[in-house]
């Protein structure tokens, strides 16, 4: 799913909404009550935020079984999201982009640190990998690198209707990538070493 609408992107700038998206992506359809129990959040809060996500097309009702609408099941509309702010003027777009980027980076950093702490005394590593590197690239090469990383990841992304069922020899892992420029030394040419 690709979103360029400022209001739709703004809808993602709430931590609980990202928690709900992650939960439904990893574990498949769930009710607001099930989400609330999993996230230790009141059902009413989950219900409200699921409806807000549905308003902008991020989640949708799973196949209805004709039961009570209060027990409706929600699922992610698409497991892969890409946002690009193109409307609302440069100042508003910049603010929303900044809020969403900070929220995502803070959430992912916190999740990584929690896992590092959990694994401190673990006898064997799991699927974890932490990699930090510095690459020297032109703007065109940076774009090529981003595209190649997306292509490598694509076959492994969870699909809304194909989440791993319990008992399968499969686990969900977090993948977080960021390409950011390094600091430069003032007064030096970037090409000199």
N, C-alpha and C. Protein backbone atom coordinates (compact mmCIF):
# COMPACT_ATOMS: atom_id res chain seq x y z
N UNK A 1 0.85 -1.17 0.00
CA UNK A 1 0.00 0.00 0.00
C UNK A 1 0.89 1.23 0.00
N UNK A 2 0.60 2.15 -0.86
CA UNK A 2 1.35 3.39 -0.92
C UNK A 2 0.40 4.54 -0.61
N UNK A 3 0.74 5.33 0.39
CA UNK A 3 -0.11 6.44 0.77
C UNK A 3 0.64 7.74 0.60
N UNK A 4 -0.03 8.71 -0.03
CA UNK A 4 0.56 10.04 -0.19
C UNK A 4 -0.34 11.11 0.44
N UNK A 5 -1.49 10.72 0.97
CA UNK A 5 -2.44 11.65 1.56
C UNK A 5 -1.99 12.05 2.96
N UNK A 6 -1.88 13.34 3.20
CA UNK A 6 -1.39 13.86 4.47
C UNK A 6 -2.24 13.38 5.64
N UNK A 7 -3.56 13.43 5.52
CA UNK A 7 -4.44 12.98 6.62
C UNK A 7 -4.27 11.49 6.88
N UNK A 8 -4.14 10.70 5.83
CA UNK A 8 -3.97 9.25 6.00
C UNK A 8 -2.64 8.95 6.69
N UNK A 9 -1.61 9.67 6.32
CA UNK A 9 -0.31 9.45 6.95
C UNK A 9 -0.34 9.92 8.39
N UNK A 10 -1.01 11.04 8.64
CA UNK A 10 -1.13 11.55 10.01
C UNK A 10 -1.82 10.52 10.91
N UNK A 11 -2.73 9.73 10.33
CA UNK A 11 -3.44 8.71 11.12
C UNK A 11 -2.48 7.67 11.68
N UNK A 12 -1.32 7.53 11.09
CA UNK A 12 -0.34 6.55 11.58
C UNK A 12 0.53 7.09 12.71
N UNK A 13 0.46 8.38 12.98
CA UNK A 13 1.38 8.98 13.95
C UNK A 13 0.90 8.82 15.39
N UNK A 14 0.35 7.67 15.70
CA UNK A 14 -0.08 7.35 17.06
C UNK A 14 0.52 5.99 17.42
N UNK A 15 1.21 5.89 18.55
CA UNK A 15 1.88 4.63 18.90
C UNK A 15 0.95 3.42 18.93
N UNK A 16 -0.26 3.56 19.46
CA UNK A 16 -1.16 2.41 19.54
C UNK A 16 -1.56 1.94 18.15
N UNK A 17 -1.72 2.85 17.23
CA UNK A 17 -2.10 2.44 15.86
C UNK A 17 -0.99 1.63 15.22
N UNK A 18 0.25 2.02 15.45
CA UNK A 18 1.36 1.22 14.91
C UNK A 18 1.44 -0.13 15.62
N UNK A 19 1.16 -0.15 16.94
CA UNK A 19 1.12 -1.43 17.66
C UNK A 19 0.06 -2.35 17.08
N UNK A 20 -1.11 -1.80 16.79
CA UNK A 20 -2.21 -2.60 16.22
C UNK A 20 -1.83 -3.12 14.84
N UNK A 21 -1.24 -2.27 14.02
CA UNK A 21 -0.81 -2.70 12.69
C UNK A 21 0.20 -3.84 12.78
N UNK A 22 1.14 -3.71 13.69
CA UNK A 22 2.16 -4.74 13.86
C UNK A 22 1.54 -6.05 14.34
N UNK A 23 0.66 -5.96 15.31
CA UNK A 23 0.00 -7.15 15.86
C UNK A 23 -0.80 -7.88 14.79
N UNK A 24 -1.60 -7.15 14.04
CA UNK A 24 -2.42 -7.79 13.00
C UNK A 24 -1.57 -8.32 11.84
N UNK A 25 -0.48 -7.65 11.54
CA UNK A 25 0.40 -8.14 10.47
C UNK A 25 1.06 -9.45 10.89
N UNK A 26 1.53 -9.51 12.13
CA UNK A 26 2.24 -10.70 12.59
C UNK A 26 1.33 -11.87 12.91
N UNK A 27 0.13 -11.59 13.43
CA UNK A 27 -0.70 -12.69 13.96
C UNK A 27 -2.03 -12.88 13.25
N UNK A 28 -2.32 -12.04 12.29
CA UNK A 28 -3.55 -12.22 11.53
C UNK A 28 -4.74 -11.55 12.19
N UNK A 29 -5.93 -11.79 11.64
CA UNK A 29 -7.15 -11.11 12.10
C UNK A 29 -7.41 -11.30 13.60
N UNK A 30 -7.94 -10.24 14.20
CA UNK A 30 -8.26 -10.27 15.63
C UNK A 30 -9.35 -9.24 15.91
N UNK A 31 -10.06 -9.45 17.02
CA UNK A 31 -11.06 -8.49 17.46
C UNK A 31 -10.38 -7.40 18.28
N UNK A 32 -11.09 -6.32 18.53
CA UNK A 32 -10.55 -5.25 19.37
C UNK A 32 -10.25 -5.78 20.77
N UNK A 33 -11.09 -6.69 21.26
CA UNK A 33 -10.87 -7.26 22.60
C UNK A 33 -9.58 -8.08 22.62
N UNK A 34 -9.36 -8.88 21.58
CA UNK A 34 -8.14 -9.69 21.51
C UNK A 34 -6.91 -8.79 21.41
N UNK A 35 -7.02 -7.74 20.62
CA UNK A 35 -5.91 -6.78 20.51
C UNK A 35 -5.64 -6.12 21.86
N UNK A 36 -6.70 -5.74 22.55
CA UNK A 36 -6.55 -5.11 23.86
C UNK A 36 -5.83 -6.01 24.85
N UNK A 37 -6.21 -7.29 24.87
CA UNK A 37 -5.55 -8.23 25.78
C UNK A 37 -4.08 -8.41 25.40
N UNK A 38 -3.80 -8.52 24.11
CA UNK A 38 -2.42 -8.73 23.66
C UNK A 38 -1.54 -7.52 23.97
N UNK A 39 -2.10 -6.32 23.86
CA UNK A 39 -1.32 -5.09 24.03
C UNK A 39 -1.49 -4.48 25.42
N UNK A 40 -2.33 -5.10 26.26
CA UNK A 40 -2.62 -4.59 27.60
C UNK A 40 -3.16 -3.15 27.53
N UNK A 41 -4.17 -3.00 26.68
CA UNK A 41 -4.82 -1.70 26.43
C UNK A 41 -6.32 -1.94 26.48
N UNK A 42 -7.11 -1.00 27.00
CA UNK A 42 -8.56 -1.19 27.01
C UNK A 42 -9.13 -1.47 25.62
N UNK A 43 -10.10 -2.36 25.57
CA UNK A 43 -10.75 -2.74 24.31
C UNK A 43 -11.31 -1.51 23.59
N UNK A 44 -11.91 -0.59 24.33
CA UNK A 44 -12.50 0.61 23.72
C UNK A 44 -11.44 1.42 22.97
N UNK A 45 -10.24 1.53 23.55
CA UNK A 45 -9.16 2.25 22.87
C UNK A 45 -8.79 1.56 21.57
N UNK A 46 -8.66 0.23 21.64
CA UNK A 46 -8.31 -0.53 20.42
C UNK A 46 -9.40 -0.37 19.37
N UNK A 47 -10.64 -0.45 19.80
CA UNK A 47 -11.76 -0.34 18.86
C UNK A 47 -11.73 1.02 18.15
N UNK A 48 -11.54 2.09 18.91
CA UNK A 48 -11.49 3.43 18.33
C UNK A 48 -10.36 3.53 17.30
N UNK A 49 -9.17 3.09 17.69
CA UNK A 49 -8.02 3.24 16.81
C UNK A 49 -8.09 2.31 15.60
N UNK A 50 -8.70 1.14 15.75
CA UNK A 50 -8.92 0.27 14.59
C UNK A 50 -9.86 0.93 13.59
N UNK A 51 -10.90 1.58 14.11
CA UNK A 51 -11.83 2.28 13.20
C UNK A 51 -11.13 3.43 12.48
N UNK A 52 -10.24 4.13 13.18
CA UNK A 52 -9.49 5.21 12.54
C UNK A 52 -8.56 4.66 11.45
N UNK A 53 -7.92 3.54 11.73
CA UNK A 53 -7.06 2.91 10.72
C UNK A 53 -7.89 2.45 9.53
N UNK A 54 -9.09 1.95 9.79
CA UNK A 54 -9.98 1.50 8.70
C UNK A 54 -10.43 2.68 7.85
N UNK A 55 -10.67 3.81 8.48
CA UNK A 55 -11.11 5.01 7.77
C UNK A 55 -10.14 5.38 6.65
N UNK A 56 -8.85 5.12 6.87
CA UNK A 56 -7.83 5.48 5.88
C UNK A 56 -7.30 4.26 5.11
N UNK A 57 -7.96 3.12 5.27
CA UNK A 57 -7.62 1.96 4.45
C UNK A 57 -6.46 1.11 4.93
N UNK A 58 -5.98 1.34 6.15
CA UNK A 58 -4.86 0.54 6.65
C UNK A 58 -5.31 -0.82 7.16
N UNK A 59 -6.50 -0.87 7.76
CA UNK A 59 -7.07 -2.15 8.19
C UNK A 59 -8.47 -2.26 7.61
N UNK A 60 -8.99 -3.47 7.63
CA UNK A 60 -10.35 -3.71 7.13
C UNK A 60 -10.96 -4.84 7.93
N UNK A 61 -12.28 -4.94 7.85
CA UNK A 61 -12.94 -6.04 8.52
C UNK A 61 -12.58 -7.33 7.81
N UNK A 62 -12.26 -8.35 8.60
CA UNK A 62 -12.02 -9.67 8.03
C UNK A 62 -13.38 -10.24 7.66
N UNK A 63 -13.41 -11.34 6.95
CA UNK A 63 -14.67 -11.95 6.51
C UNK A 63 -15.65 -12.02 7.67
N UNK A 64 -16.81 -11.44 7.47
CA UNK A 64 -17.84 -11.42 8.52
C UNK A 64 -18.48 -12.79 8.64
N UNK A 65 -18.72 -13.20 9.87
CA UNK A 65 -19.36 -14.49 10.09
C UNK A 65 -20.83 -14.31 10.47
N UNK A 66 -21.34 -13.10 10.29
CA UNK A 66 -22.74 -12.83 10.59
C UNK A 66 -23.00 -12.62 12.07
N UNK A 67 -21.95 -12.57 12.86
CA UNK A 67 -22.11 -12.43 14.30
C UNK A 67 -22.27 -10.98 14.72
N UNK A 68 -22.10 -10.75 15.98
CA UNK A 68 -22.22 -9.44 16.60
C UNK A 68 -21.13 -8.51 16.05
N UNK A 69 -21.52 -7.32 15.55
CA UNK A 69 -20.54 -6.39 15.00
C UNK A 69 -19.56 -5.89 16.05
N UNK A 70 -19.92 -6.00 17.33
CA UNK A 70 -18.97 -5.62 18.37
C UNK A 70 -17.80 -6.60 18.42
N UNK A 71 -18.00 -7.77 17.87
CA UNK A 71 -16.96 -8.79 17.85
C UNK A 71 -16.32 -8.92 16.47
N UNK A 72 -16.40 -7.87 15.67
CA UNK A 72 -15.84 -7.96 14.33
C UNK A 72 -14.33 -8.14 14.39
N UNK A 73 -13.84 -8.89 13.44
CA UNK A 73 -12.41 -9.17 13.34
C UNK A 73 -11.79 -8.20 12.33
N UNK A 74 -10.62 -7.74 12.65
CA UNK A 74 -9.90 -6.80 11.81
C UNK A 74 -8.66 -7.46 11.26
N UNK A 75 -8.24 -7.03 10.08
CA UNK A 75 -6.99 -7.49 9.49
C UNK A 75 -6.34 -6.31 8.77
N UNK A 76 -5.04 -6.43 8.53
CA UNK A 76 -4.37 -5.37 7.77
C UNK A 76 -4.80 -5.49 6.31
N UNK A 77 -4.97 -4.35 5.68
CA UNK A 77 -5.36 -4.36 4.27
C UNK A 77 -4.19 -4.83 3.42
N UNK A 78 -3.00 -4.35 3.73
CA UNK A 78 -1.77 -4.77 3.07
C UNK A 78 -0.66 -4.73 4.09
N UNK A 79 0.21 -5.74 4.09
CA UNK A 79 1.25 -5.80 5.11
C UNK A 79 2.41 -4.85 4.84
N UNK A 80 2.56 -4.41 3.62
CA UNK A 80 3.67 -3.52 3.29
C UNK A 80 3.13 -2.12 3.07
N UNK A 81 3.68 -1.17 3.79
CA UNK A 81 3.24 0.21 3.66
C UNK A 81 4.41 1.09 3.29
N UNK A 82 4.14 2.00 2.43
CA UNK A 82 5.13 3.01 2.08
C UNK A 82 4.40 4.34 2.07
N UNK A 83 4.95 5.31 2.77
CA UNK A 83 4.30 6.62 2.83
C UNK A 83 5.20 7.65 2.18
N UNK A 84 4.57 8.58 1.52
CA UNK A 84 5.28 9.70 0.91
C UNK A 84 4.34 10.89 0.99
N UNK A 85 4.74 11.90 1.71
CA UNK A 85 3.90 13.07 1.91
C UNK A 85 4.04 13.99 0.71
N UNK A 86 2.93 14.22 -0.01
CA UNK A 86 2.97 15.06 -1.21
C UNK A 86 1.96 16.20 -1.17
N UNK A 87 1.12 16.25 -0.15
CA UNK A 87 0.09 17.29 -0.12
C UNK A 87 0.16 18.04 1.20
N UNK A 88 -0.60 19.12 1.30
CA UNK A 88 -0.69 19.86 2.55
C UNK A 88 0.35 20.94 2.71
N UNK A 89 1.16 21.17 1.71
CA UNK A 89 2.18 22.20 1.81
C UNK A 89 3.44 21.66 2.45
N UNK A 90 4.58 22.27 2.13
CA UNK A 90 5.86 21.74 2.61
C UNK A 90 6.01 21.74 4.13
N UNK A 91 5.49 22.76 4.80
CA UNK A 91 5.65 22.81 6.26
C UNK A 91 4.83 21.72 6.93
N UNK A 92 3.56 21.57 6.56
CA UNK A 92 2.71 20.52 7.14
C UNK A 92 3.24 19.14 6.79
N UNK A 93 3.64 18.95 5.55
CA UNK A 93 4.17 17.66 5.12
C UNK A 93 5.44 17.31 5.90
N UNK A 94 6.30 18.29 6.08
CA UNK A 94 7.53 18.06 6.83
C UNK A 94 7.26 17.69 8.27
N UNK A 95 6.29 18.34 8.90
CA UNK A 95 5.95 18.05 10.28
C UNK A 95 5.40 16.63 10.43
N UNK A 96 4.49 16.24 9.55
CA UNK A 96 3.91 14.90 9.63
C UNK A 96 4.97 13.85 9.34
N UNK A 97 5.79 14.07 8.32
CA UNK A 97 6.86 13.12 8.01
C UNK A 97 7.80 12.98 9.20
N UNK A 98 8.16 14.09 9.82
CA UNK A 98 9.05 14.08 10.97
C UNK A 98 8.43 13.29 12.13
N UNK A 99 7.16 13.54 12.43
CA UNK A 99 6.49 12.83 13.53
C UNK A 99 6.46 11.33 13.28
N UNK A 100 6.12 10.93 12.06
CA UNK A 100 6.03 9.51 11.75
C UNK A 100 7.41 8.86 11.77
N UNK A 101 8.40 9.51 11.18
CA UNK A 101 9.75 8.94 11.18
C UNK A 101 10.29 8.79 12.60
N UNK A 102 10.10 9.80 13.44
CA UNK A 102 10.58 9.71 14.83
C UNK A 102 9.88 8.58 15.57
N UNK A 103 8.57 8.48 15.39
CA UNK A 103 7.81 7.43 16.07
C UNK A 103 8.30 6.05 15.65
N UNK A 104 8.49 5.83 14.37
CA UNK A 104 8.96 4.53 13.88
C UNK A 104 10.36 4.23 14.41
N UNK A 105 11.27 5.19 14.33
CA UNK A 105 12.63 4.96 14.81
C UNK A 105 12.64 4.69 16.31
N UNK A 106 11.88 5.45 17.09
CA UNK A 106 11.82 5.23 18.53
C UNK A 106 11.27 3.84 18.86
N UNK A 107 10.19 3.44 18.17
CA UNK A 107 9.59 2.12 18.42
C UNK A 107 10.57 0.99 18.08
N UNK A 108 11.20 1.10 16.92
CA UNK A 108 12.11 0.04 16.50
C UNK A 108 13.34 -0.02 17.40
N UNK A 109 13.88 1.15 17.77
CA UNK A 109 15.03 1.18 18.66
C UNK A 109 14.67 0.55 20.00
N UNK A 110 13.51 0.89 20.55
CA UNK A 110 13.08 0.31 21.82
C UNK A 110 12.92 -1.20 21.71
N UNK A 111 12.32 -1.67 20.63
CA UNK A 111 12.13 -3.12 20.44
C UNK A 111 13.48 -3.84 20.33
N UNK A 112 14.42 -3.24 19.63
CA UNK A 112 15.75 -3.85 19.49
C UNK A 112 16.44 -3.91 20.84
N UNK A 113 16.40 -2.81 21.60
CA UNK A 113 17.04 -2.79 22.92
C UNK A 113 16.40 -3.79 23.88
N UNK A 114 15.08 -3.92 23.84
CA UNK A 114 14.41 -4.91 24.69
C UNK A 114 14.88 -6.32 24.34
N UNK A 115 15.00 -6.61 23.06
CA UNK A 115 15.45 -7.94 22.64
C UNK A 115 16.91 -8.18 23.03
N UNK A 116 17.76 -7.16 22.90
CA UNK A 116 19.15 -7.30 23.32
C UNK A 116 19.21 -7.63 24.81
N UNK A 117 18.40 -6.96 25.63
CA UNK A 117 18.37 -7.24 27.06
C UNK A 117 17.84 -8.64 27.35
N UNK A 118 16.81 -9.08 26.62
CA UNK A 118 16.27 -10.43 26.82
C UNK A 118 17.30 -11.50 26.47
N UNK A 119 18.10 -11.24 25.47
CA UNK A 119 19.07 -12.23 24.98
C UNK A 119 20.37 -12.24 25.76
N UNK A 120 20.54 -11.34 26.68
CA UNK A 120 21.81 -11.21 27.39
C UNK A 120 22.30 -12.56 27.92
N UNK A 121 21.41 -13.34 28.51
CA UNK A 121 21.79 -14.62 29.10
C UNK A 121 21.33 -15.81 28.27
N UNK A 122 20.87 -15.56 27.05
CA UNK A 122 20.40 -16.66 26.19
C UNK A 122 21.59 -17.49 25.73
N UNK A 123 21.46 -18.82 25.76
CA UNK A 123 22.58 -19.67 25.38
C UNK A 123 22.92 -19.63 23.89
N UNK A 124 21.91 -19.50 23.04
CA UNK A 124 22.16 -19.54 21.60
C UNK A 124 21.43 -18.38 20.92
N UNK A 125 22.04 -17.83 19.90
CA UNK A 125 21.35 -16.77 19.16
C UNK A 125 20.19 -17.31 18.35
N UNK A 126 19.20 -16.48 18.15
CA UNK A 126 18.07 -16.84 17.31
C UNK A 126 18.27 -16.25 15.93
N UNK A 127 17.21 -15.68 15.40
CA UNK A 127 17.27 -15.11 14.05
C UNK A 127 17.84 -13.69 14.05
N UNK A 128 18.30 -13.23 15.20
CA UNK A 128 18.74 -11.85 15.31
C UNK A 128 19.99 -11.56 14.51
N UNK A 129 20.08 -10.32 14.06
CA UNK A 129 21.27 -9.82 13.40
C UNK A 129 21.27 -8.31 13.57
N UNK A 130 22.37 -7.79 14.01
CA UNK A 130 22.52 -6.34 14.06
C UNK A 130 23.74 -6.00 13.21
N UNK A 131 23.55 -5.11 12.29
CA UNK A 131 24.61 -4.73 11.37
C UNK A 131 24.68 -3.21 11.30
N UNK A 132 25.86 -2.69 11.49
CA UNK A 132 26.08 -1.26 11.31
C UNK A 132 27.25 -1.11 10.36
N UNK A 133 27.11 -0.27 9.37
CA UNK A 133 28.17 -0.10 8.38
C UNK A 133 28.12 1.30 7.81
N UNK A 134 29.22 1.70 7.21
CA UNK A 134 29.27 2.97 6.50
C UNK A 134 29.62 2.65 5.05
N UNK A 135 28.81 3.14 4.14
CA UNK A 135 29.03 2.92 2.71
C UNK A 135 29.20 4.28 2.04
N UNK A 136 30.08 4.34 1.07
CA UNK A 136 30.28 5.57 0.30
C UNK A 136 29.53 5.43 -1.02
N UNK A 137 28.47 6.22 -1.17
CA UNK A 137 27.62 6.09 -2.36
C UNK A 137 27.26 7.46 -2.93
N UNK A 138 26.99 7.48 -4.21
CA UNK A 138 26.46 8.67 -4.86
C UNK A 138 24.95 8.68 -4.60
N UNK A 139 24.27 9.80 -4.84
CA UNK A 139 22.81 9.80 -4.67
C UNK A 139 22.13 8.71 -5.51
N UNK A 140 22.61 8.50 -6.73
CA UNK A 140 22.03 7.45 -7.58
C UNK A 140 22.27 6.06 -6.97
N UNK A 141 23.47 5.82 -6.46
CA UNK A 141 23.77 4.53 -5.84
C UNK A 141 22.94 4.32 -4.58
N UNK A 142 22.67 5.40 -3.84
CA UNK A 142 21.82 5.29 -2.65
C UNK A 142 20.42 4.83 -3.04
N UNK A 143 19.89 5.40 -4.13
CA UNK A 143 18.57 4.97 -4.62
C UNK A 143 18.60 3.51 -5.05
N UNK A 144 19.66 3.11 -5.74
CA UNK A 144 19.80 1.71 -6.17
C UNK A 144 19.87 0.78 -4.96
N UNK A 145 20.60 1.19 -3.93
CA UNK A 145 20.72 0.38 -2.72
C UNK A 145 19.36 0.21 -2.05
N UNK A 146 18.60 1.29 -1.93
CA UNK A 146 17.26 1.20 -1.34
C UNK A 146 16.40 0.22 -2.12
N UNK A 147 16.43 0.30 -3.43
CA UNK A 147 15.63 -0.59 -4.27
C UNK A 147 16.06 -2.05 -4.10
N UNK A 148 17.35 -2.29 -4.06
CA UNK A 148 17.86 -3.67 -3.90
C UNK A 148 17.47 -4.24 -2.54
N UNK A 149 17.54 -3.42 -1.50
CA UNK A 149 17.14 -3.88 -0.16
C UNK A 149 15.66 -4.25 -0.15
N UNK A 150 14.83 -3.44 -0.78
CA UNK A 150 13.40 -3.76 -0.88
C UNK A 150 13.19 -5.08 -1.61
N UNK A 151 13.90 -5.27 -2.71
CA UNK A 151 13.76 -6.49 -3.51
C UNK A 151 14.18 -7.73 -2.73
N UNK A 152 15.25 -7.62 -1.96
CA UNK A 152 15.71 -8.76 -1.16
C UNK A 152 14.68 -9.10 -0.09
N UNK A 153 14.08 -8.10 0.52
CA UNK A 153 13.13 -8.30 1.61
C UNK A 153 11.76 -8.80 1.14
N UNK A 154 11.33 -8.39 -0.02
CA UNK A 154 9.97 -8.64 -0.50
C UNK A 154 9.48 -10.09 -0.33
N UNK A 155 10.24 -11.12 -0.72
CA UNK A 155 9.71 -12.48 -0.60
C UNK A 155 9.45 -12.93 0.85
N UNK A 156 10.03 -12.23 1.81
CA UNK A 156 9.91 -12.64 3.21
C UNK A 156 8.86 -11.87 3.99
N UNK A 157 8.29 -10.84 3.39
CA UNK A 157 7.31 -10.04 4.11
C UNK A 157 6.06 -10.84 4.39
N UNK A 158 5.50 -10.64 5.58
CA UNK A 158 4.26 -11.33 5.95
C UNK A 158 3.13 -10.82 5.07
N UNK A 159 2.35 -11.73 4.59
CA UNK A 159 1.18 -11.38 3.78
C UNK A 159 -0.05 -11.45 4.67
N UNK A 160 -1.04 -10.56 4.48
CA UNK A 160 -2.20 -10.53 5.36
C UNK A 160 -2.91 -11.88 5.51
N UNK A 161 -3.00 -12.66 4.46
CA UNK A 161 -3.71 -13.94 4.55
C UNK A 161 -2.77 -15.12 4.67
N UNK A 162 -1.50 -14.87 4.90
CA UNK A 162 -0.55 -15.97 4.96
C UNK A 162 0.37 -15.86 6.18
N UNK A 163 -0.17 -15.40 7.29
CA UNK A 163 0.65 -15.31 8.49
C UNK A 163 0.95 -16.71 8.98
N UNK A 164 2.09 -16.86 9.61
CA UNK A 164 2.50 -18.18 10.08
C UNK A 164 1.55 -18.67 11.17
N UNK A 165 1.01 -19.84 10.98
CA UNK A 165 0.12 -20.43 11.97
C UNK A 165 0.95 -21.03 13.10
N UNK A 166 0.42 -21.05 14.33
CA UNK A 166 1.15 -21.66 15.43
C UNK A 166 1.52 -23.10 15.09
N UNK A 167 2.70 -23.49 15.51
CA UNK A 167 3.14 -24.86 15.28
C UNK A 167 4.02 -25.01 14.05
N UNK A 168 4.00 -24.06 13.16
CA UNK A 168 4.89 -24.12 12.00
C UNK A 168 6.30 -23.74 12.43
N UNK A 169 7.27 -24.23 11.70
CA UNK A 169 8.66 -23.93 12.02
C UNK A 169 9.03 -22.58 11.41
N UNK A 170 8.39 -21.54 11.90
CA UNK A 170 8.55 -20.20 11.34
C UNK A 170 8.30 -19.19 12.46
N UNK A 171 9.04 -18.11 12.45
CA UNK A 171 8.82 -17.04 13.41
C UNK A 171 8.80 -15.70 12.70
N UNK A 172 8.15 -14.74 13.31
CA UNK A 172 8.14 -13.38 12.77
C UNK A 172 9.36 -12.65 13.33
N UNK A 173 10.01 -11.90 12.48
CA UNK A 173 11.16 -11.10 12.90
C UNK A 173 10.93 -9.65 12.49
N UNK A 174 11.55 -8.75 13.22
CA UNK A 174 11.50 -7.34 12.87
C UNK A 174 12.61 -7.07 11.88
N UNK A 175 12.33 -6.27 10.90
CA UNK A 175 13.36 -5.81 9.98
C UNK A 175 13.26 -4.29 9.97
N UNK A 176 14.34 -3.66 10.34
CA UNK A 176 14.38 -2.20 10.39
C UNK A 176 15.63 -1.75 9.65
N UNK A 177 15.47 -0.93 8.65
CA UNK A 177 16.60 -0.43 7.89
C UNK A 177 16.52 1.09 7.82
N UNK A 178 17.67 1.71 7.91
CA UNK A 178 17.73 3.16 7.78
C UNK A 178 19.00 3.52 7.04
N UNK A 179 18.88 4.37 6.06
CA UNK A 179 20.04 4.91 5.37
C UNK A 179 20.10 6.39 5.74
N UNK A 180 21.12 6.76 6.48
CA UNK A 180 21.26 8.15 6.91
C UNK A 180 22.69 8.62 6.65
N UNK A 181 22.86 9.89 6.28
CA UNK A 181 24.22 10.39 6.03
C UNK A 181 25.00 10.48 7.34
N UNK A 182 26.31 10.32 7.24
CA UNK A 182 27.16 10.46 8.41
C UNK A 182 27.52 11.93 8.59
N UNK A 183 28.04 12.26 9.75
CA UNK A 183 28.51 13.62 10.01
C UNK A 183 29.76 13.88 9.17
N UNK A 184 29.94 15.11 8.78
CA UNK A 184 31.15 15.47 8.03
C UNK A 184 31.99 16.42 8.87
N UNK A 185 33.25 16.48 8.54
CA UNK A 185 34.15 17.39 9.24
C UNK A 185 34.07 18.74 8.55
N UNK A 186 33.69 19.80 9.27
CA UNK A 186 33.55 21.12 8.65
C UNK A 186 34.85 21.57 7.98
N UNK A 187 34.70 22.17 6.80
CA UNK A 187 35.86 22.72 6.10
C UNK A 187 36.65 21.72 5.29
N UNK A 188 36.16 20.48 5.19
CA UNK A 188 36.87 19.49 4.38
C UNK A 188 36.02 19.11 3.19
N UNK A 189 36.69 18.69 2.14
CA UNK A 189 36.00 18.20 0.94
C UNK A 189 35.59 16.76 1.23
N UNK A 190 34.34 16.44 0.99
CA UNK A 190 33.83 15.09 1.27
C UNK A 190 34.59 14.03 0.48
N UNK A 191 35.21 14.39 -0.62
CA UNK A 191 35.90 13.41 -1.44
C UNK A 191 37.31 13.10 -0.95
N UNK A 192 37.86 13.91 -0.03
CA UNK A 192 39.22 13.69 0.46
C UNK A 192 39.21 12.80 1.69
N UNK A 193 40.24 11.97 1.82
CA UNK A 193 40.38 11.12 3.02
C UNK A 193 41.77 11.23 3.56
